């Protein structure tokens, strides 16, 4: 029988925080840790995880998608960087991943303030 770490329960086991949901082990933990080090609040981290952002993005290195620092740099000269990035996160624009075009996943919330919090965090990098 394989042993498991007390800090990382195996997938499907009860959530140690007692919320009644099974714990999920995500392969992109380092990206989440980088985001936390860069001032990402628990709410922002939750939204980034919920929307699978760490699958393609990290704070300071390009992955399948650009780093959050690269995104901030890209939008800094836009006339309205907040609105431009908000539009990108909510409109499923066409992006290129591994030389293939696909629709960027739109945020899975309709709460504008939640999305703007993520936008402000990304632009602060």
Protein backbone atom coordinates (compact mmCIF):
# COMPACT_ATOMS: atom_id res chain seq x y z
CA UNK A 1 0.00 0.00 0.00
CA UNK A 2 1.44 3.38 -1.02
CA UNK A 3 1.84 5.98 1.68
CA UNK A 4 0.48 9.46 1.20
CA UNK A 5 1.66 12.78 2.50
CA UNK A 6 -0.43 14.39 5.23
CA UNK A 7 -0.23 17.74 3.43
CA UNK A 8 -1.34 16.39 0.04
CA UNK A 9 -4.18 13.90 0.30
CA UNK A 10 -4.62 11.50 -2.60
CA UNK A 11 -7.18 12.45 -5.24
CA UNK A 12 -10.71 11.52 -4.21
CA UNK A 13 -10.01 11.61 -0.48
CA UNK A 14 -12.01 13.91 1.82
CA UNK A 15 -10.98 17.55 1.81
CA UNK A 16 -8.82 18.20 4.92
CA UNK A 17 -10.44 21.62 5.39
CA UNK A 18 -13.74 19.84 5.96
CA UNK A 19 -15.67 21.35 3.07
CA UNK A 20 -16.96 17.93 2.08
CA UNK A 21 -15.48 17.96 -1.41
CA UNK A 22 -12.83 15.50 -2.53
CA UNK A 23 -9.31 16.87 -2.68
CA UNK A 24 -7.81 17.31 -6.15
CA UNK A 25 -4.11 17.07 -6.83
CA UNK A 26 -3.27 19.49 -9.58
CA UNK A 27 -0.16 18.98 -11.72
CA UNK A 28 0.45 22.72 -11.81
CA UNK A 29 1.16 23.30 -8.11
CA UNK A 30 4.36 25.29 -8.72
CA UNK A 31 2.41 27.83 -10.82
CA UNK A 32 -0.03 28.28 -7.97
CA UNK A 33 2.83 28.71 -5.48
CA UNK A 34 4.40 31.36 -7.74
CA UNK A 35 1.08 33.21 -7.89
CA UNK A 36 0.78 33.13 -4.11
CA UNK A 37 4.33 34.52 -3.75
CA UNK A 38 3.40 37.35 -6.14
CA UNK A 39 0.55 38.47 -3.88
CA UNK A 40 -2.28 36.43 -5.33
CA UNK A 41 -4.99 36.35 -2.67
CA UNK A 42 -6.74 33.07 -1.82
CA UNK A 43 -9.75 34.30 -3.83
CA UNK A 44 -7.64 35.04 -6.91
CA UNK A 45 -5.86 31.69 -6.62
CA UNK A 46 -9.25 29.96 -6.30
CA UNK A 47 -10.50 31.65 -9.48
CA UNK A 48 -7.32 30.86 -11.41
CA UNK A 49 -7.57 27.20 -10.35
CA UNK A 50 -11.31 27.03 -11.09
CA UNK A 51 -10.66 28.31 -14.60
CA UNK A 52 -7.60 26.05 -15.18
CA UNK A 53 -5.40 29.09 -15.83
CA UNK A 54 -2.34 27.38 -14.33
CA UNK A 55 -2.59 24.74 -17.04
CA UNK A 56 -1.19 27.23 -19.56
CA UNK A 57 0.15 30.18 -17.54
CA UNK A 58 2.69 30.85 -14.79
CA UNK A 59 3.76 34.10 -13.17
CA UNK A 60 7.18 34.52 -14.72
CA UNK A 61 7.72 31.90 -17.47
CA UNK A 62 5.93 31.23 -20.71
CA UNK A 63 4.26 27.83 -20.81
CA UNK A 64 1.63 26.98 -23.45
CA UNK A 65 0.41 30.53 -22.82
CA UNK A 66 2.35 33.65 -21.92
CA UNK A 67 3.44 34.34 -18.34
CA UNK A 68 1.32 36.75 -16.32
CA UNK A 69 4.30 39.12 -16.40
CA UNK A 70 4.29 38.97 -20.23
CA UNK A 71 0.54 39.61 -20.26
CA UNK A 72 0.97 42.65 -17.99
CA UNK A 73 3.73 43.94 -20.28
CA UNK A 74 1.57 43.39 -23.38
CA UNK A 75 -1.39 45.31 -21.98
CA UNK A 76 0.48 48.17 -20.26
CA UNK A 77 0.38 50.39 -23.37
CA UNK A 78 -3.27 49.73 -24.22
CA UNK A 79 -5.52 52.77 -23.86
CA UNK A 80 -7.57 50.86 -21.26
CA UNK A 81 -5.59 47.78 -20.17
CA UNK A 82 -8.19 46.67 -17.62
CA UNK A 83 -11.01 46.67 -20.15
CA UNK A 84 -8.85 45.02 -22.83
CA UNK A 85 -7.79 42.17 -20.55
CA UNK A 86 -11.32 41.80 -19.17
CA UNK A 87 -12.57 41.43 -22.75
CA UNK A 88 -9.92 38.79 -23.45
CA UNK A 89 -10.89 36.75 -20.38
CA UNK A 90 -14.62 36.87 -21.09
CA UNK A 91 -15.01 36.67 -24.88
CA UNK A 92 -13.20 33.42 -25.84
CA UNK A 93 -10.91 35.04 -28.42
CA UNK A 94 -8.97 32.89 -30.85
CA UNK A 95 -5.44 32.16 -29.62
CA UNK A 96 -2.57 30.08 -30.98
CA UNK A 97 -1.36 27.15 -28.88
CA UNK A 98 1.34 24.88 -30.28
CA UNK A 99 0.81 26.45 -33.71
CA UNK A 100 -2.90 25.59 -33.64
CA UNK A 101 -5.68 28.13 -33.32
CA UNK A 102 -8.26 27.57 -30.61
CA UNK A 103 -10.68 29.60 -28.51
CA UNK A 104 -9.29 30.88 -25.21
CA UNK A 105 -11.41 29.50 -22.38
CA UNK A 106 -13.79 32.13 -21.05
CA UNK A 107 -13.95 32.70 -17.28
CA UNK A 108 -16.48 30.45 -15.52
CA UNK A 109 -18.10 33.23 -13.50
CA UNK A 110 -20.46 36.05 -14.31
CA UNK A 111 -19.32 38.10 -11.32
CA UNK A 112 -17.65 41.09 -12.96
CA UNK A 113 -15.87 42.11 -9.75
CA UNK A 114 -14.26 38.66 -9.40
CA UNK A 115 -12.94 38.89 -12.94
CA UNK A 116 -11.72 42.46 -12.41
CA UNK A 117 -9.84 41.34 -9.28
CA UNK A 118 -8.00 38.76 -11.42
CA UNK A 119 -7.39 41.38 -14.14
CA UNK A 120 -5.92 43.81 -11.59
CA UNK A 121 -3.69 41.08 -10.15
CA UNK A 122 -2.41 40.04 -13.59
CA UNK A 123 -1.69 43.65 -14.55
CA UNK A 124 0.19 44.19 -11.28
CA UNK A 125 2.83 41.59 -12.23
